[in-house]
Amino acid sequence: MRKLKLTLMVAMMSISTFGFADNHTDSSEAEVLKVLSAYMDARNTRDFNAVIAMSSKTGTLDTNSDGSFHKPQTKQTIEGWEKSGDAITQYYYPEATAITDDVVHVRFYSEGMVGNDGNMSDYRTRVTMNWIKEGGNWVLSSAHYSPASYGGVHKTQASDFED
């Protein structure tokens, strides 16, 4: 019986060690998923002040799904978001993985409609984002959108190539 208790104790300590050895907890992942939901809602309602507030003050590193090159680190502006065109998208299957205490990697699928001047197109893409803790808040640091091969993707727009 003593050997069984010892074996169970060692097993429980091992499980606890694996869960907390890297100081990651589900709380940062859950927090970021809540912020992601608010971020995506703000984008859909065109609340660009909120989008900017949820973006790193030093700027974001972005890659669009239109086939263009990676964008340089850019500070988000209302003018820049207004030029990006209309978009109504939903996101699906979000997953968050804490990389460190202040970095969380998120990935999900997004689909909806995007376009300019009422000329909307289908949109489906895979998204990865890195969220960082900045000034006590989770903010977007980078985003990579890659076309999903099972449907339409972002249609290139003139504003995609403006610096």
N, C-alpha and C. Protein backbone atom coordinates (compact mmCIF):
# COMPACT_ATOMS: atom_id res chain seq x y z
N MET A 1 0.82 -1.19 0.00
CA MET A 1 0.00 0.00 0.00
C MET A 1 0.87 1.26 0.00
N ARG A 2 1.95 1.23 0.78
CA ARG A 2 2.85 2.38 0.84
C ARG A 2 3.48 2.65 -0.53
N LYS A 3 3.84 1.58 -1.23
CA LYS A 3 4.44 1.72 -2.56
C LYS A 3 3.43 2.33 -3.53
N LEU A 4 2.15 1.93 -3.45
CA LEU A 4 1.11 2.49 -4.30
C LEU A 4 0.93 3.98 -4.02
N LYS A 5 0.92 4.39 -2.73
CA LYS A 5 0.80 5.81 -2.38
C LYS A 5 1.97 6.61 -2.93
N LEU A 6 3.17 6.07 -2.79
CA LEU A 6 4.36 6.74 -3.30
C LEU A 6 4.28 6.89 -4.82
N THR A 7 3.86 5.83 -5.50
CA THR A 7 3.74 5.87 -6.96
C THR A 7 2.72 6.91 -7.38
N LEU A 8 1.58 6.96 -6.72
CA LEU A 8 0.54 7.96 -7.03
C LEU A 8 1.03 9.37 -6.77
N MET A 9 1.75 9.58 -5.68
CA MET A 9 2.28 10.90 -5.35
C MET A 9 3.27 11.36 -6.42
N VAL A 10 4.17 10.47 -6.83
CA VAL A 10 5.15 10.82 -7.88
C VAL A 10 4.43 11.13 -9.19
N ALA A 11 3.42 10.34 -9.51
CA ALA A 11 2.66 10.56 -10.74
C ALA A 11 1.96 11.92 -10.71
N MET A 12 1.35 12.27 -9.59
CA MET A 12 0.66 13.55 -9.47
C MET A 12 1.64 14.72 -9.55
N MET A 13 2.79 14.57 -8.94
CA MET A 13 3.80 15.63 -9.02
C MET A 13 4.30 15.79 -10.45
N SER A 14 4.45 14.71 -11.17
CA SER A 14 4.90 14.77 -12.55
C SER A 14 3.90 15.49 -13.42
N ILE A 15 2.62 15.16 -13.24
CA ILE A 15 1.57 15.82 -14.02
C ILE A 15 1.56 17.31 -13.72
N SER A 16 1.65 17.70 -12.47
CA SER A 16 1.67 19.11 -12.09
C SER A 16 2.88 19.81 -12.67
N THR A 17 4.02 19.14 -12.65
CA THR A 17 5.24 19.73 -13.18
C THR A 17 5.11 20.00 -14.67
N PHE A 18 4.54 19.07 -15.42
CA PHE A 18 4.38 19.29 -16.86
C PHE A 18 3.43 20.44 -17.12
N GLY A 19 2.40 20.58 -16.33
CA GLY A 19 1.41 21.63 -16.55
C GLY A 19 1.92 23.02 -16.23
N PHE A 20 2.86 23.13 -15.28
CA PHE A 20 3.27 24.46 -14.84
C PHE A 20 4.77 24.72 -14.97
N ALA A 21 5.51 23.80 -15.57
CA ALA A 21 6.97 23.95 -15.66
C ALA A 21 7.38 25.20 -16.41
N ASP A 22 6.60 25.60 -17.41
CA ASP A 22 6.98 26.76 -18.20
C ASP A 22 6.21 28.02 -17.78
N ASN A 23 5.55 27.97 -16.63
CA ASN A 23 4.81 29.10 -16.06
C ASN A 23 3.64 29.56 -16.92
N HIS A 24 3.21 28.75 -17.86
CA HIS A 24 2.05 29.10 -18.68
C HIS A 24 0.80 28.61 -17.99
N THR A 25 -0.21 29.43 -18.02
CA THR A 25 -1.49 29.02 -17.49
C THR A 25 -2.55 29.32 -18.52
N ASP A 26 -3.68 28.72 -18.37
CA ASP A 26 -4.77 28.95 -19.30
C ASP A 26 -5.33 30.36 -19.20
N SER A 27 -5.02 31.09 -18.11
CA SER A 27 -5.61 32.42 -17.92
C SER A 27 -5.17 33.40 -19.01
N SER A 28 -3.89 33.41 -19.38
CA SER A 28 -3.45 34.34 -20.42
C SER A 28 -4.08 33.97 -21.76
N GLU A 29 -4.22 32.69 -22.02
CA GLU A 29 -4.84 32.26 -23.27
C GLU A 29 -6.31 32.67 -23.30
N ALA A 30 -7.01 32.47 -22.20
CA ALA A 30 -8.43 32.86 -22.13
C ALA A 30 -8.58 34.37 -22.25
N GLU A 31 -7.70 35.12 -21.60
CA GLU A 31 -7.75 36.58 -21.69
C GLU A 31 -7.58 37.04 -23.13
N VAL A 32 -6.61 36.47 -23.83
CA VAL A 32 -6.35 36.87 -25.22
C VAL A 32 -7.53 36.50 -26.12
N LEU A 33 -8.15 35.36 -25.90
CA LEU A 33 -9.31 34.99 -26.72
C LEU A 33 -10.47 35.97 -26.51
N LYS A 34 -10.62 36.51 -25.30
CA LYS A 34 -11.64 37.54 -25.06
C LYS A 34 -11.29 38.83 -25.81
N VAL A 35 -10.01 39.20 -25.76
CA VAL A 35 -9.57 40.41 -26.47
C VAL A 35 -9.72 40.21 -27.98
N LEU A 36 -9.41 39.02 -28.47
CA LEU A 36 -9.58 38.72 -29.90
C LEU A 36 -11.03 38.93 -30.31
N SER A 37 -11.97 38.46 -29.51
CA SER A 37 -13.39 38.63 -29.81
C SER A 37 -13.75 40.12 -29.90
N ALA A 38 -13.28 40.91 -28.95
CA ALA A 38 -13.54 42.35 -28.97
C ALA A 38 -12.88 43.01 -30.18
N TYR A 39 -11.66 42.57 -30.52
CA TYR A 39 -10.93 43.11 -31.67
C TYR A 39 -11.70 42.83 -32.97
N MET A 40 -12.14 41.60 -33.15
CA MET A 40 -12.86 41.25 -34.37
C MET A 40 -14.20 41.99 -34.44
N ASP A 41 -14.88 42.14 -33.31
CA ASP A 41 -16.13 42.92 -33.29
C ASP A 41 -15.86 44.37 -33.67
N ALA A 42 -14.78 44.94 -33.15
CA ALA A 42 -14.44 46.33 -33.47
C ALA A 42 -14.13 46.49 -34.95
N ARG A 43 -13.44 45.52 -35.53
CA ARG A 43 -13.18 45.59 -36.98
C ARG A 43 -14.47 45.56 -37.77
N ASN A 44 -15.39 44.66 -37.41
CA ASN A 44 -16.65 44.53 -38.14
C ASN A 44 -17.54 45.76 -38.01
N THR A 45 -17.51 46.41 -36.86
CA THR A 45 -18.33 47.61 -36.66
C THR A 45 -17.59 48.88 -37.07
N ARG A 46 -16.37 48.70 -37.56
CA ARG A 46 -15.52 49.81 -38.00
C ARG A 46 -15.24 50.80 -36.86
N ASP A 47 -15.09 50.26 -35.66
CA ASP A 47 -14.69 51.06 -34.50
C ASP A 47 -13.16 51.07 -34.48
N PHE A 48 -12.60 51.87 -35.34
CA PHE A 48 -11.15 51.85 -35.54
C PHE A 48 -10.39 52.39 -34.34
N ASN A 49 -11.01 53.24 -33.52
CA ASN A 49 -10.36 53.66 -32.28
C ASN A 49 -10.09 52.46 -31.39
N ALA A 50 -11.07 51.55 -31.30
CA ALA A 50 -10.90 50.35 -30.48
C ALA A 50 -9.86 49.42 -31.10
N VAL A 51 -9.88 49.28 -32.44
CA VAL A 51 -8.90 48.43 -33.12
C VAL A 51 -7.49 48.93 -32.83
N ILE A 52 -7.30 50.23 -32.92
CA ILE A 52 -5.98 50.83 -32.68
C ILE A 52 -5.58 50.65 -31.22
N ALA A 53 -6.53 50.82 -30.30
CA ALA A 53 -6.23 50.65 -28.88
C ALA A 53 -5.80 49.21 -28.56
N MET A 54 -6.26 48.25 -29.37
CA MET A 54 -5.91 46.85 -29.15
C MET A 54 -4.71 46.42 -30.00
N SER A 55 -4.00 47.39 -30.58
CA SER A 55 -2.80 47.12 -31.38
C SER A 55 -1.59 47.71 -30.67
N SER A 56 -0.43 47.08 -30.85
CA SER A 56 0.78 47.55 -30.18
C SER A 56 1.08 49.00 -30.54
N LYS A 57 1.48 49.76 -29.55
CA LYS A 57 1.83 51.16 -29.77
C LYS A 57 3.06 51.30 -30.67
N THR A 58 3.89 50.27 -30.73
CA THR A 58 5.08 50.32 -31.60
C THR A 58 4.75 49.92 -33.03
N GLY A 59 3.53 49.48 -33.27
CA GLY A 59 3.11 49.07 -34.60
C GLY A 59 2.92 47.56 -34.68
N THR A 60 2.39 47.12 -35.80
CA THR A 60 2.17 45.69 -36.01
C THR A 60 2.89 45.23 -37.27
N LEU A 61 3.28 43.97 -37.27
CA LEU A 61 3.87 43.33 -38.45
C LEU A 61 2.76 42.49 -39.09
N ASP A 62 2.40 42.81 -40.32
CA ASP A 62 1.28 42.13 -40.96
C ASP A 62 1.66 41.56 -42.32
N THR A 63 1.00 40.47 -42.66
CA THR A 63 1.09 39.88 -43.99
C THR A 63 -0.33 39.56 -44.41
N ASN A 64 -0.74 40.10 -45.56
CA ASN A 64 -2.11 39.91 -46.03
C ASN A 64 -2.23 38.65 -46.89
N SER A 65 -3.45 38.20 -47.09
CA SER A 65 -3.69 36.99 -47.87
C SER A 65 -3.81 37.27 -49.36
N ASP A 66 -3.47 38.48 -49.79
CA ASP A 66 -3.61 38.84 -51.20
C ASP A 66 -2.39 38.51 -52.05
N GLY A 67 -1.39 37.89 -51.45
CA GLY A 67 -0.18 37.54 -52.20
C GLY A 67 0.89 38.61 -52.20
N SER A 68 0.61 39.75 -51.57
CA SER A 68 1.62 40.80 -51.51
C SER A 68 2.70 40.42 -50.49
N PHE A 69 3.78 41.17 -50.50
CA PHE A 69 4.88 40.90 -49.58
C PHE A 69 4.50 41.28 -48.16
N HIS A 70 5.33 40.85 -47.20
CA HIS A 70 5.12 41.23 -45.81
C HIS A 70 5.15 42.75 -45.70
N LYS A 71 4.32 43.28 -44.85
CA LYS A 71 4.27 44.73 -44.64
C LYS A 71 5.31 45.11 -43.58
N PRO A 72 5.89 46.31 -43.69
CA PRO A 72 6.81 46.76 -42.63
C PRO A 72 6.02 47.02 -41.35
N GLN A 73 6.72 47.07 -40.24
CA GLN A 73 6.05 47.37 -38.98
C GLN A 73 5.38 48.73 -39.12
N THR A 74 4.08 48.76 -38.84
CA THR A 74 3.29 49.96 -39.09
C THR A 74 2.44 50.29 -37.87
N LYS A 75 2.47 51.56 -37.49
CA LYS A 75 1.57 52.03 -36.43
C LYS A 75 0.18 52.17 -37.05
N GLN A 76 -0.80 51.60 -36.38
CA GLN A 76 -2.16 51.62 -36.88
C GLN A 76 -2.75 53.02 -36.77
N THR A 77 -3.48 53.45 -37.82
CA THR A 77 -4.13 54.76 -37.84
C THR A 77 -5.57 54.60 -38.33
N ILE A 78 -6.40 55.56 -37.97
CA ILE A 78 -7.78 55.56 -38.46
C ILE A 78 -7.79 55.69 -39.97
N GLU A 79 -6.97 56.58 -40.50
CA GLU A 79 -6.91 56.78 -41.96
C GLU A 79 -6.54 55.47 -42.67
N GLY A 80 -5.57 54.76 -42.12
CA GLY A 80 -5.17 53.49 -42.73
C GLY A 80 -6.29 52.47 -42.72
N TRP A 81 -7.02 52.39 -41.61
CA TRP A 81 -8.13 51.44 -41.53
C TRP A 81 -9.27 51.85 -42.44
N GLU A 82 -9.54 53.15 -42.57
CA GLU A 82 -10.61 53.59 -43.47
C GLU A 82 -10.30 53.24 -44.92
N LYS A 83 -9.03 53.25 -45.31
CA LYS A 83 -8.63 52.89 -46.67
C LYS A 83 -8.71 51.38 -46.93
N SER A 84 -8.79 50.60 -45.88
CA SER A 84 -8.72 49.14 -46.05
C SER A 84 -9.98 48.54 -46.66
N GLY A 85 -11.03 49.32 -46.80
CA GLY A 85 -12.25 48.81 -47.41
C GLY A 85 -13.18 48.21 -46.38
N ASP A 86 -14.33 47.81 -46.88
CA ASP A 86 -15.35 47.23 -46.02
C ASP A 86 -15.07 45.75 -45.81
N ALA A 87 -15.44 45.27 -44.65
CA ALA A 87 -15.29 43.85 -44.36
C ALA A 87 -16.25 43.46 -43.26
N ILE A 88 -16.94 42.39 -43.49
CA ILE A 88 -17.75 41.75 -42.46
C ILE A 88 -17.30 40.30 -42.44
N THR A 89 -16.63 39.92 -41.38
CA THR A 89 -16.10 38.56 -41.30
C THR A 89 -16.45 37.92 -39.96
N GLN A 90 -16.44 36.65 -39.94
CA GLN A 90 -16.60 35.86 -38.73
C GLN A 90 -15.33 35.04 -38.56
N TYR A 91 -15.01 34.69 -37.34
CA TYR A 91 -13.85 33.82 -37.16
C TYR A 91 -14.28 32.53 -36.49
N TYR A 92 -13.55 31.47 -36.81
CA TYR A 92 -13.91 30.13 -36.37
C TYR A 92 -12.71 29.38 -35.81
N TYR A 93 -12.98 28.52 -34.86
CA TYR A 93 -11.99 27.61 -34.27
C TYR A 93 -10.76 28.33 -33.72
N PRO A 94 -10.95 29.39 -32.94
CA PRO A 94 -9.77 30.07 -32.38
C PRO A 94 -9.05 29.19 -31.37
N GLU A 95 -7.73 29.20 -31.46
CA GLU A 95 -6.87 28.49 -30.51
C GLU A 95 -5.82 29.46 -30.03
N ALA A 96 -5.55 29.46 -28.73
CA ALA A 96 -4.51 30.31 -28.16
C ALA A 96 -3.49 29.44 -27.45
N THR A 97 -2.22 29.79 -27.66
CA THR A 97 -1.13 29.06 -27.02
C THR A 97 -0.17 30.08 -26.42
N ALA A 98 0.00 30.03 -25.11
CA ALA A 98 0.95 30.93 -24.45
C ALA A 98 2.36 30.51 -24.83
N ILE A 99 3.14 31.46 -25.34
CA ILE A 99 4.54 31.22 -25.67
C ILE A 99 5.40 31.56 -24.46
N THR A 100 5.12 32.70 -23.86
CA THR A 100 5.75 33.12 -22.61
C THR A 100 4.65 33.77 -21.78
N ASP A 101 5.01 34.31 -20.63
CA ASP A 101 4.01 34.97 -19.79
C ASP A 101 3.37 36.17 -20.47
N ASP A 102 4.08 36.79 -21.41
CA ASP A 102 3.54 37.99 -22.04
C ASP A 102 3.44 37.89 -23.56
N VAL A 103 3.42 36.68 -24.10
CA VAL A 103 3.24 36.46 -25.54
C VAL A 103 2.30 35.27 -25.72
N VAL A 104 1.22 35.49 -26.48
CA VAL A 104 0.27 34.41 -26.79
C VAL A 104 0.09 34.36 -28.30
N HIS A 105 0.26 33.17 -28.85
CA HIS A 105 0.05 32.92 -30.27
C HIS A 105 -1.39 32.45 -30.47
N VAL A 106 -2.08 33.03 -31.44
CA VAL A 106 -3.47 32.69 -31.72
C VAL A 106 -3.58 32.29 -33.18
N ARG A 107 -4.43 31.30 -33.45
CA ARG A 107 -4.72 30.95 -34.84
C ARG A 107 -6.20 30.63 -34.96
N PHE A 108 -6.75 30.94 -36.16
CA PHE A 108 -8.17 30.70 -36.42
C PHE A 108 -8.42 30.80 -37.91
N TYR A 109 -9.64 30.50 -38.30
CA TYR A 109 -10.09 30.68 -39.69
C TYR A 109 -11.02 31.87 -39.71
N SER A 110 -11.04 32.58 -40.82
CA SER A 110 -11.93 33.73 -40.96
C SER A 110 -12.59 33.66 -42.34
N GLU A 111 -13.86 34.00 -42.37
CA GLU A 111 -14.54 34.08 -43.66
C GLU A 111 -15.62 35.14 -43.58
N GLY A 112 -15.98 35.66 -44.74
CA GLY A 112 -17.00 36.69 -44.81
C GLY A 112 -16.97 37.36 -46.16
N MET A 113 -17.17 38.68 -46.15
CA MET A 113 -17.19 39.48 -47.36
C MET A 113 -16.27 40.68 -47.18
N VAL A 114 -15.51 40.99 -48.24
CA VAL A 114 -14.64 42.17 -48.22
C VAL A 114 -14.78 42.90 -49.55
N GLY A 115 -14.47 44.19 -49.55
CA GLY A 115 -14.52 44.94 -50.80
C GLY A 115 -14.54 46.43 -50.57
N ASN A 116 -14.77 47.13 -51.67
CA ASN A 116 -14.84 48.58 -51.66
C ASN A 116 -16.05 49.04 -52.46
N ASP A 117 -16.63 50.15 -52.03
CA ASP A 117 -17.72 50.80 -52.77
C ASP A 117 -18.85 49.84 -53.14
N GLY A 118 -19.24 48.97 -52.22
CA GLY A 118 -20.34 48.06 -52.46
C GLY A 118 -20.01 46.86 -53.32
N ASN A 119 -18.78 46.78 -53.83
CA ASN A 119 -18.34 45.65 -54.65
C ASN A 119 -17.67 44.63 -53.73
N MET A 120 -18.49 43.72 -53.19
CA MET A 120 -18.00 42.79 -52.19
C MET A 120 -17.65 41.44 -52.81
N SER A 121 -16.66 40.78 -52.22
CA SER A 121 -16.23 39.46 -52.66
C SER A 121 -16.19 38.51 -51.47
N ASP A 122 -16.32 37.22 -51.77
CA ASP A 122 -16.16 36.21 -50.73
C ASP A 122 -14.74 36.27 -50.18
N TYR A 123 -14.61 35.90 -48.92
CA TYR A 123 -13.31 35.96 -48.26
C TYR A 123 -13.17 34.77 -47.33
N ARG A 124 -12.11 33.98 -47.49
CA ARG A 124 -11.77 32.89 -46.57
C ARG A 124 -10.26 32.86 -46.41
N THR A 125 -9.83 32.79 -45.16
CA THR A 125 -8.40 32.82 -44.90
C THR A 125 -8.08 32.13 -43.58
N ARG A 126 -6.83 31.73 -43.46
CA ARG A 126 -6.30 31.24 -42.17
C ARG A 126 -5.53 32.40 -41.56
N VAL A 127 -5.62 32.53 -40.25
CA VAL A 127 -4.98 33.66 -39.58
C VAL A 127 -4.14 33.17 -38.41
N THR A 128 -2.94 33.73 -38.29
CA THR A 128 -2.15 33.57 -37.08
C THR A 128 -1.82 34.97 -36.57
N MET A 129 -1.87 35.12 -35.26
CA MET A 129 -1.57 36.40 -34.63
C MET A 129 -0.71 36.17 -33.41
N ASN A 130 0.10 37.16 -33.09
CA ASN A 130 0.84 37.17 -31.83
C ASN A 130 0.36 38.37 -31.03
N TRP A 131 -0.08 38.09 -29.82
CA TRP A 131 -0.55 39.11 -28.88
C TRP A 131 0.48 39.23 -27.77
N ILE A 132 0.78 40.47 -27.40
CA ILE A 132 1.78 40.71 -26.35
C ILE A 132 1.15 41.54 -25.23
N LYS A 133 1.74 41.41 -24.05
CA LYS A 133 1.30 42.22 -22.92
C LYS A 133 2.07 43.55 -22.99
N GLU A 134 1.33 44.64 -23.11
CA GLU A 134 1.94 45.96 -23.25
C GLU A 134 1.18 46.92 -22.34
N GLY A 135 1.85 47.50 -21.39
CA GLY A 135 1.19 48.42 -20.46
C GLY A 135 0.08 47.74 -19.68
N GLY A 136 0.23 46.45 -19.42
CA GLY A 136 -0.77 45.71 -18.67
C GLY A 136 -1.93 45.17 -19.49
N ASN A 137 -1.95 45.47 -20.78
CA ASN A 137 -3.04 45.02 -21.66
C ASN A 137 -2.51 44.11 -22.76
N TRP A 138 -3.35 43.20 -23.22
CA TRP A 138 -3.02 42.36 -24.36
C TRP A 138 -3.28 43.15 -25.63
N VAL A 139 -2.26 43.26 -26.50
CA VAL A 139 -2.40 43.99 -27.76
C VAL A 139 -1.84 43.15 -28.90
N LEU A 140 -2.34 43.40 -30.10
CA LEU A 140 -1.89 42.69 -31.29
C LEU A 140 -0.51 43.19 -31.69
N SER A 141 0.41 42.26 -31.90
CA SER A 141 1.76 42.60 -32.32
C SER A 141 2.02 42.21 -33.78
N SER A 142 1.46 41.07 -34.21
CA SER A 142 1.64 40.65 -35.60
C SER A 142 0.45 39.82 -36.05
N ALA A 143 0.20 39.85 -37.36
CA ALA A 143 -0.89 39.07 -37.94
C ALA A 143 -0.47 38.57 -39.32
N HIS A 144 -0.76 37.31 -39.59
CA HIS A 144 -0.46 36.72 -40.89
C HIS A 144 -1.72 36.05 -41.41
N TYR A 145 -2.19 36.53 -42.55
CA TYR A 145 -3.38 35.99 -43.19
C TYR A 145 -2.92 35.21 -44.42
N SER A 146 -3.31 33.95 -44.51
CA SER A 146 -2.93 33.16 -45.69
C SER A 146 -4.20 32.59 -46.32
N PRO A 147 -4.27 32.63 -47.65
CA PRO A 147 -5.49 32.19 -48.31
C PRO A 147 -5.82 30.73 -48.00
N ALA A 148 -7.10 30.48 -47.79
CA ALA A 148 -7.56 29.11 -47.58
C ALA A 148 -7.87 28.52 -48.96
N SER A 149 -7.35 27.37 -49.25
CA SER A 149 -7.45 26.80 -50.59
C SER A 149 -8.84 26.29 -50.95
N TYR A 150 -9.75 26.31 -49.99
CA TYR A 150 -11.08 25.76 -50.27
C TYR A 150 -12.11 26.82 -50.66
N GLY A 151 -11.67 28.00 -51.01
CA GLY A 151 -12.64 29.02 -51.41
C GLY A 151 -11.97 30.31 -51.81
N GLY A 152 -12.76 31.39 -51.89
CA GLY A 152 -12.26 32.69 -52.30
C GLY A 152 -11.29 33.28 -51.30
N VAL A 153 -10.44 34.16 -51.74
CA VAL A 153 -9.48 34.83 -50.88
C VAL A 153 -9.59 36.33 -51.10
N HIS A 154 -8.85 37.05 -50.32
CA HIS A 154 -8.82 38.51 -50.42
C HIS A 154 -8.49 38.94 -51.84
N LYS A 155 -9.25 39.87 -52.36
CA LYS A 155 -8.98 40.44 -53.68
C LYS A 155 -8.06 41.64 -53.50
N THR A 156 -6.98 41.66 -54.25
CA THR A 156 -6.03 42.75 -54.15
C THR A 156 -6.70 44.08 -54.46
N GLN A 157 -6.39 45.08 -53.63
CA GLN A 157 -6.93 46.42 -53.78
C GLN A 157 -5.76 47.39 -53.83
N ALA A 158 -5.98 48.53 -54.45
CA ALA A 158 -4.90 49.52 -54.57
C ALA A 158 -4.33 49.90 -53.21
N SER A 159 -5.19 50.00 -52.20
CA SER A 159 -4.71 50.41 -50.87
C SER A 159 -3.77 49.37 -50.25
N ASP A 160 -3.79 48.12 -50.74
CA ASP A 160 -2.89 47.10 -50.21
C ASP A 160 -1.43 47.43 -50.48
N PHE A 161 -1.18 48.28 -51.49
CA PHE A 161 0.19 48.55 -51.88
C PHE A 161 0.66 49.95 -51.52
N GLU A 162 -0.19 50.68 -50.79
CA GLU A 162 0.19 52.02 -50.34
C GLU A 162 1.00 51.92 -49.08
N ASP A 163 2.03 52.72 -48.95
CA ASP A 163 2.85 52.72 -47.72
C ASP A 163 2.29 53.70 -46.73
